[in-house]
Amino acid sequence: MKSKECFIKSRNILKIFRRSYFGILIVTPLYFIALFLFVGSAYALNWSDKEWRDAGCPRSAIGLWKLDGSDNNKKAMRIEKGKVAIIANNKSEENFLYKQTSLKDGNKFIELVLDHAAHKKQIYLKIRPHLISQIMESQGAVNKSSYNCLIKVFQYSSPKKTKFDKYSSWEIYQLNNSN
């Protein structure tokens, strides 16, 4: 009698596994179909995008940019025509010069070849708009909104790696609107 009861119990367990396996085979493809139907593709911002310009973001990378996420301004980058200054800990400042006039808008990336002012060190950068985030400030009954403009700065070790987008590091900077 015991063997027959064990057989019945094991048969019921096999039915449960078959049903759940069948359910997984049906639910998983439906999940992926729904995922592809409701999720759109995302594209990186461009310097000439309407959203970037409407938010009051600059048409090029010129300006003072602080490292995003650092409350005490540990690192900042000031980009001017012909010169880039990287400021660390609000004290030490490294100056770099660039000869290219590649700060034009309309392209996805701004490419810079930086020459250190004191050393013969070169840095290769690509800069592109990253995100726009809205800040809501309330002043009494009137809501005033402003935007944070974020750029992504890719650093490369050689011009060859720049062509193939093999960056060695990247950082996200926020436009310093307090100036």
C-alpha atoms as a PDB file:
ATOM      1  CA  MET A   1       0.000   0.000   0.000  1.00  0.00           C
ATOM      2  CA  LYS A   2       2.785   2.377   0.766  1.00  0.00           C
ATOM      3  CA  SER A   3       4.264   2.115  -2.706  1.00  0.00           C
ATOM      4  CA  LYS A   4       0.934   2.995  -4.345  1.00  0.00           C
ATOM      5  CA  GLU A   5       0.482   6.092  -2.126  1.00  0.00           C
ATOM      6  CA  CYS A   6       4.019   7.246  -2.894  1.00  0.00           C
ATOM      7  CA  PHE A   7       3.364   6.766  -6.613  1.00  0.00           C
ATOM      8  CA  ILE A   8       0.205   8.897  -6.433  1.00  0.00           C
ATOM      9  CA  LYS A   9       1.999  11.668  -4.515  1.00  0.00           C
ATOM     10  CA  SER A  10       4.945  11.755  -6.911  1.00  0.00           C
ATOM     11  CA  ARG A  11       2.567  11.800  -9.891  1.00  0.00           C
ATOM     12  CA  ASN A  12       0.782  14.856  -8.460  1.00  0.00           C
ATOM     13  CA  ILE A  13       4.121  16.605  -7.960  1.00  0.00           C
ATOM     14  CA  LEU A  14       5.055  15.926 -11.597  1.00  0.00           C
ATOM     15  CA  LYS A  15       1.756  17.498 -12.725  1.00  0.00           C
ATOM     16  CA  ILE A  16       2.516  20.618 -10.725  1.00  0.00           C
ATOM     17  CA  PHE A  17       5.992  20.904 -12.264  1.00  0.00           C
ATOM     18  CA  ARG A  18       4.634  20.365 -15.748  1.00  0.00           C
ATOM     19  CA  ARG A  19       2.001  23.050 -15.263  1.00  0.00           C
ATOM     20  CA  SER A  20       4.430  25.617 -13.820  1.00  0.00           C
ATOM     21  CA  TYR A  21       7.012  24.870 -16.543  1.00  0.00           C
ATOM     22  CA  PHE A  22       4.305  25.383 -19.137  1.00  0.00           C
ATOM     23  CA  GLY A  23       3.275  28.628 -17.416  1.00  0.00           C
ATOM     24  CA  ILE A  24       6.862  29.894 -17.518  1.00  0.00           C
ATOM     25  CA  LEU A  25       7.074  29.102 -21.220  1.00  0.00           C
ATOM     26  CA  ILE A  26       3.927  31.131 -21.879  1.00  0.00           C
ATOM     27  CA  VAL A  27       4.524  34.060 -19.496  1.00  0.00           C
ATOM     28  CA  THR A  28       8.175  34.747 -20.377  1.00  0.00           C
ATOM     29  CA  PRO A  29       7.651  35.451 -24.107  1.00  0.00           C
ATOM     30  CA  LEU A  30       4.563  37.563 -23.312  1.00  0.00           C
ATOM     31  CA  TYR A  31       6.613  39.598 -20.859  1.00  0.00           C
ATOM     32  CA  PHE A  32       9.318  40.294 -23.466  1.00  0.00           C
ATOM     33  CA  ILE A  33       6.737  41.209 -26.110  1.00  0.00           C
ATOM     34  CA  ALA A  34       5.122  43.683 -23.710  1.00  0.00           C
ATOM     35  CA  LEU A  35       8.541  45.048 -22.793  1.00  0.00           C
ATOM     36  CA  PHE A  36       9.430  45.789 -26.422  1.00  0.00           C
ATOM     37  CA  LEU A  37       5.996  47.269 -27.160  1.00  0.00           C
ATOM     38  CA  PHE A  38       5.988  49.783 -24.313  1.00  0.00           C
ATOM     39  CA  VAL A  39       9.656  50.747 -24.104  1.00  0.00           C
ATOM     40  CA  GLY A  40      11.063  53.188 -26.634  1.00  0.00           C
ATOM     41  CA  SER A  41      14.643  53.755 -27.573  1.00  0.00           C
ATOM     42  CA  ALA A  42      16.653  56.556 -26.010  1.00  0.00           C
ATOM     43  CA  TYR A  43      18.990  58.865 -27.856  1.00  0.00           C
ATOM     44  CA  ALA A  44      21.704  61.115 -26.482  1.00  0.00           C
ATOM     45  CA  LEU A  45      21.104  64.835 -26.617  1.00  0.00           C
ATOM     46  CA  ASN A  46      22.723  66.986 -29.254  1.00  0.00           C
ATOM     47  CA  TRP A  47      24.065  70.532 -28.857  1.00  0.00           C
ATOM     48  CA  SER A  48      21.385  71.792 -31.231  1.00  0.00           C
ATOM     49  CA  ASP A  49      18.437  69.846 -29.767  1.00  0.00           C
ATOM     50  CA  LYS A  50      15.328  71.865 -28.993  1.00  0.00           C
ATOM     51  CA  GLU A  51      15.088  70.447 -25.446  1.00  0.00           C
ATOM     52  CA  TRP A  52      18.691  71.438 -24.687  1.00  0.00           C
ATOM     53  CA  ARG A  53      18.236  74.974 -25.991  1.00  0.00           C
ATOM     54  CA  ASP A  54      14.767  75.496 -24.428  1.00  0.00           C
ATOM     55  CA  ALA A  55      16.199  74.620 -21.015  1.00  0.00           C
ATOM     56  CA  GLY A  56      18.632  77.524 -21.330  1.00  0.00           C
ATOM     57  CA  CYS A  57      21.665  75.298 -21.716  1.00  0.00           C
ATOM     58  CA  PRO A  58      24.665  76.713 -23.603  1.00  0.00           C
ATOM     59  CA  ARG A  59      25.133  76.136 -27.328  1.00  0.00           C
ATOM     60  CA  SER A  60      28.658  74.894 -26.668  1.00  0.00           C
ATOM     61  CA  ALA A  61      30.698  73.640 -23.736  1.00  0.00           C
ATOM     62  CA  ILE A  62      31.982  77.098 -22.795  1.00  0.00           C
ATOM     63  CA  GLY A  63      31.306  77.869 -19.139  1.00  0.00           C
ATOM     64  CA  LEU A  64      32.074  76.710 -15.617  1.00  0.00           C
ATOM     65  CA  TRP A  65      31.092  73.087 -14.994  1.00  0.00           C
ATOM     66  CA  LYS A  66      31.226  71.430 -11.565  1.00  0.00           C
ATOM     67  CA  LEU A  67      31.446  67.688 -11.040  1.00  0.00           C
ATOM     68  CA  ASP A  68      27.912  66.354 -10.635  1.00  0.00           C
ATOM     69  CA  GLY A  69      27.078  64.818  -7.280  1.00  0.00           C
ATOM     70  CA  SER A  70      29.808  66.577  -5.335  1.00  0.00           C
ATOM     71  CA  ASP A  71      28.325  68.938  -2.774  1.00  0.00           C
ATOM     72  CA  ASN A  72      31.611  70.522  -1.766  1.00  0.00           C
ATOM     73  CA  ASN A  73      32.783  71.244  -5.326  1.00  0.00           C
ATOM     74  CA  LYS A  74      35.759  68.880  -5.268  1.00  0.00           C
ATOM     75  CA  LYS A  75      36.349  69.230  -9.000  1.00  0.00           C
ATOM     76  CA  ALA A  76      35.334  71.729 -11.646  1.00  0.00           C
ATOM     77  CA  MET A  77      36.186  72.465 -15.244  1.00  0.00           C
ATOM     78  CA  ARG A  78      36.198  75.942 -16.754  1.00  0.00           C
ATOM     79  CA  ILE A  79      36.074  75.906 -20.546  1.00  0.00           C
ATOM     80  CA  GLU A  80      36.921  79.102 -22.403  1.00  0.00           C
ATOM     81  CA  LYS A  81      37.943  79.817 -25.977  1.00  0.00           C
ATOM     82  CA  GLY A  82      41.409  78.329 -26.396  1.00  0.00           C
ATOM     83  CA  LYS A  83      41.783  77.336 -22.736  1.00  0.00           C
ATOM     84  CA  VAL A  84      40.488  74.700 -20.314  1.00  0.00           C
ATOM     85  CA  ALA A  85      41.175  74.873 -16.580  1.00  0.00           C
ATOM     86  CA  ILE A  86      40.615  71.851 -14.352  1.00  0.00           C
ATOM     87  CA  ILE A  87      40.152  72.937 -10.746  1.00  0.00           C
ATOM     88  CA  ALA A  88      40.575  70.383  -7.939  1.00  0.00           C
ATOM     89  CA  ASN A  89      39.532  70.989  -4.319  1.00  0.00           C
ATOM     90  CA  ASN A  90      38.816  74.683  -5.087  1.00  0.00           C
ATOM     91  CA  LYS A  91      42.577  75.303  -4.926  1.00  0.00           C
ATOM     92  CA  SER A  92      44.844  73.680  -7.471  1.00  0.00           C
ATOM     93  CA  GLU A  93      44.216  74.639 -11.055  1.00  0.00           C
ATOM     94  CA  GLU A  94      45.711  72.932 -14.092  1.00  0.00           C
ATOM     95  CA  ASN A  95      45.589  74.928 -17.299  1.00  0.00           C
ATOM     96  CA  PHE A  96      45.388  73.341 -20.717  1.00  0.00           C
ATOM     97  CA  LEU A  97      45.393  74.963 -24.127  1.00  0.00           C
ATOM     98  CA  TYR A  98      43.712  73.748 -27.275  1.00  0.00           C
ATOM     99  CA  LYS A  99      44.188  74.964 -30.828  1.00  0.00           C
ATOM    100  CA  GLN A 100      41.162  73.460 -32.506  1.00  0.00           C
ATOM    101  CA  THR A 101      38.062  75.533 -33.017  1.00  0.00           C
ATOM    102  CA  SER A 102      35.825  72.544 -32.412  1.00  0.00           C
ATOM    103  CA  LEU A 103      33.480  74.239 -29.955  1.00  0.00           C
ATOM    104  CA  LYS A 104      30.878  74.673 -32.674  1.00  0.00           C
ATOM    105  CA  ASP A 105      27.315  73.557 -32.077  1.00  0.00           C
ATOM    106  CA  GLY A 106      25.323  71.177 -34.211  1.00  0.00           C
ATOM    107  CA  ASN A 107      27.491  68.129 -33.617  1.00  0.00           C
ATOM    108  CA  LYS A 108      26.888  65.404 -31.072  1.00  0.00           C
ATOM    109  CA  PHE A 109      30.421  65.578 -29.648  1.00  0.00           C
ATOM    110  CA  ILE A 110      32.895  68.375 -29.120  1.00  0.00           C
ATOM    111  CA  GLU A 111      36.395  66.980 -29.484  1.00  0.00           C
ATOM    112  CA  LEU A 112      39.321  68.677 -27.770  1.00  0.00           C
ATOM    113  CA  VAL A 113      43.042  67.901 -27.807  1.00  0.00           C
ATOM    114  CA  LEU A 114      44.392  69.604 -24.697  1.00  0.00           C
ATOM    115  CA  ASP A 115      48.055  70.533 -24.282  1.00  0.00           C
ATOM    116  CA  HIS A 116      49.204  71.151 -20.719  1.00  0.00           C
ATOM    117  CA  ALA A 117      50.445  74.724 -20.304  1.00  0.00           C
ATOM    118  CA  ALA A 118      53.559  73.720 -18.319  1.00  0.00           C
ATOM    119  CA  HIS A 119      54.257  70.102 -19.353  1.00  0.00           C
ATOM    120  CA  LYS A 120      54.213  68.247 -22.653  1.00  0.00           C
ATOM    121  CA  LYS A 121      51.211  66.257 -21.522  1.00  0.00           C
ATOM    122  CA  GLN A 122      48.239  65.839 -23.873  1.00  0.00           C
ATOM    123  CA  ILE A 123      44.682  64.934 -22.940  1.00  0.00           C
ATOM    124  CA  TYR A 124      42.035  63.916 -25.468  1.00  0.00           C
ATOM    125  CA  LEU A 125      38.452  64.777 -24.568  1.00  0.00           C
ATOM    126  CA  LYS A 126      35.028  64.345 -26.104  1.00  0.00           C
ATOM    127  CA  ILE A 127      32.176  66.328 -24.581  1.00  0.00           C
ATOM    128  CA  ARG A 128      28.461  65.865 -25.232  1.00  0.00           C
ATOM    129  CA  PRO A 129      25.204  66.999 -23.612  1.00  0.00           C
ATOM    130  CA  HIS A 130      24.015  64.339 -21.192  1.00  0.00           C
ATOM    131  CA  LEU A 131      20.765  65.239 -19.412  1.00  0.00           C
ATOM    132  CA  ILE A 132      18.460  68.070 -18.498  1.00  0.00           C
ATOM    133  CA  SER A 133      16.831  67.899 -15.086  1.00  0.00           C
ATOM    134  CA  GLN A 134      14.167  70.286 -13.864  1.00  0.00           C
ATOM    135  CA  ILE A 135      14.419  72.021 -10.495  1.00  0.00           C
ATOM    136  CA  MET A 136      11.194  73.283  -8.959  1.00  0.00           C
ATOM    137  CA  GLU A 137      11.436  76.306  -6.706  1.00  0.00           C
ATOM    138  CA  SER A 138       8.370  77.791  -5.042  1.00  0.00           C
ATOM    139  CA  GLN A 139       8.153  81.493  -4.294  1.00  0.00           C
ATOM    140  CA  GLY A 140       4.871  82.028  -2.526  1.00  0.00           C
ATOM    141  CA  ALA A 141       2.060  81.139  -4.916  1.00  0.00           C
ATOM    142  CA  VAL A 142       4.205  81.378  -8.061  1.00  0.00           C
ATOM    143  CA  ASN A 143       6.191  78.325  -9.129  1.00  0.00           C
ATOM    144  CA  LYS A 144       9.399  79.135 -10.920  1.00  0.00           C
ATOM    145  CA  SER A 145      11.214  76.323 -12.674  1.00  0.00           C
ATOM    146  CA  SER A 146      14.821  76.159 -13.803  1.00  0.00           C
ATOM    147  CA  TYR A 147      16.971  73.436 -15.272  1.00  0.00           C
ATOM    148  CA  ASN A 148      20.255  71.699 -14.562  1.00  0.00           C
ATOM    149  CA  CYS A 149      22.339  71.169 -17.683  1.00  0.00           C
ATOM    150  CA  LEU A 150      24.599  68.119 -17.491  1.00  0.00           C
ATOM    151  CA  ILE A 151      27.428  67.187 -19.851  1.00  0.00           C
ATOM    152  CA  LYS A 152      29.369  63.957 -20.102  1.00  0.00           C
ATOM    153  CA  VAL A 153      33.131  64.273 -20.575  1.00  0.00           C
ATOM    154  CA  PHE A 154      34.984  61.263 -21.990  1.00  0.00           C
ATOM    155  CA  GLN A 155      38.770  61.092 -21.591  1.00  0.00           C
ATOM    156  CA  TYR A 156      40.980  59.126 -23.992  1.00  0.00           C
ATOM    157  CA  SER A 157      44.624  58.120 -23.789  1.00  0.00           C
ATOM    158  CA  SER A 158      45.417  58.489 -27.509  1.00  0.00           C
ATOM    159  CA  PRO A 159      43.902  59.931 -30.694  1.00  0.00           C
ATOM    160  CA  LYS A 160      43.546  56.401 -32.088  1.00  0.00           C
ATOM    161  CA  LYS A 161      41.312  55.396 -29.172  1.00  0.00           C
ATOM    162  CA  THR A 162      39.294  58.589 -29.689  1.00  0.00           C
ATOM    163  CA  LYS A 163      38.332  57.458 -33.181  1.00  0.00           C
ATOM    164  CA  PHE A 164      37.051  54.125 -31.891  1.00  0.00           C
ATOM    165  CA  ASP A 165      35.392  55.508 -28.712  1.00  0.00           C
ATOM    166  CA  LYS A 166      37.600  53.473 -26.376  1.00  0.00           C
ATOM    167  CA  TYR A 167      37.587  55.929 -23.486  1.00  0.00           C
ATOM    168  CA  SER A 168      39.717  55.500 -20.399  1.00  0.00           C
ATOM    169  CA  SER A 169      37.326  57.374 -18.092  1.00  0.00           C
ATOM    170  CA  TRP A 170      34.244  59.592 -18.062  1.00  0.00           C
ATOM    171  CA  GLU A 171      32.678  62.095 -15.706  1.00  0.00           C
ATOM    172  CA  ILE A 172      29.428  64.031 -15.582  1.00  0.00           C
ATOM    173  CA  TYR A 173      29.534  67.783 -14.989  1.00  0.00           C
ATOM    174  CA  GLN A 174      26.728  70.216 -14.148  1.00  0.00           C
ATOM    175  CA  LEU A 175      26.638  73.799 -15.394  1.00  0.00           C
ATOM    176  CA  ASN A 176      27.375  76.204 -12.559  1.00  0.00           C
ATOM    177  CA  ASN A 177      24.512  78.722 -12.874  1.00  0.00           C
ATOM    178  CA  SER A 178      25.570  80.781  -9.862  1.00  0.00           C
ATOM    179  CA  ASN A 179      27.916  82.953 -11.937  1.00  0.00           C
END
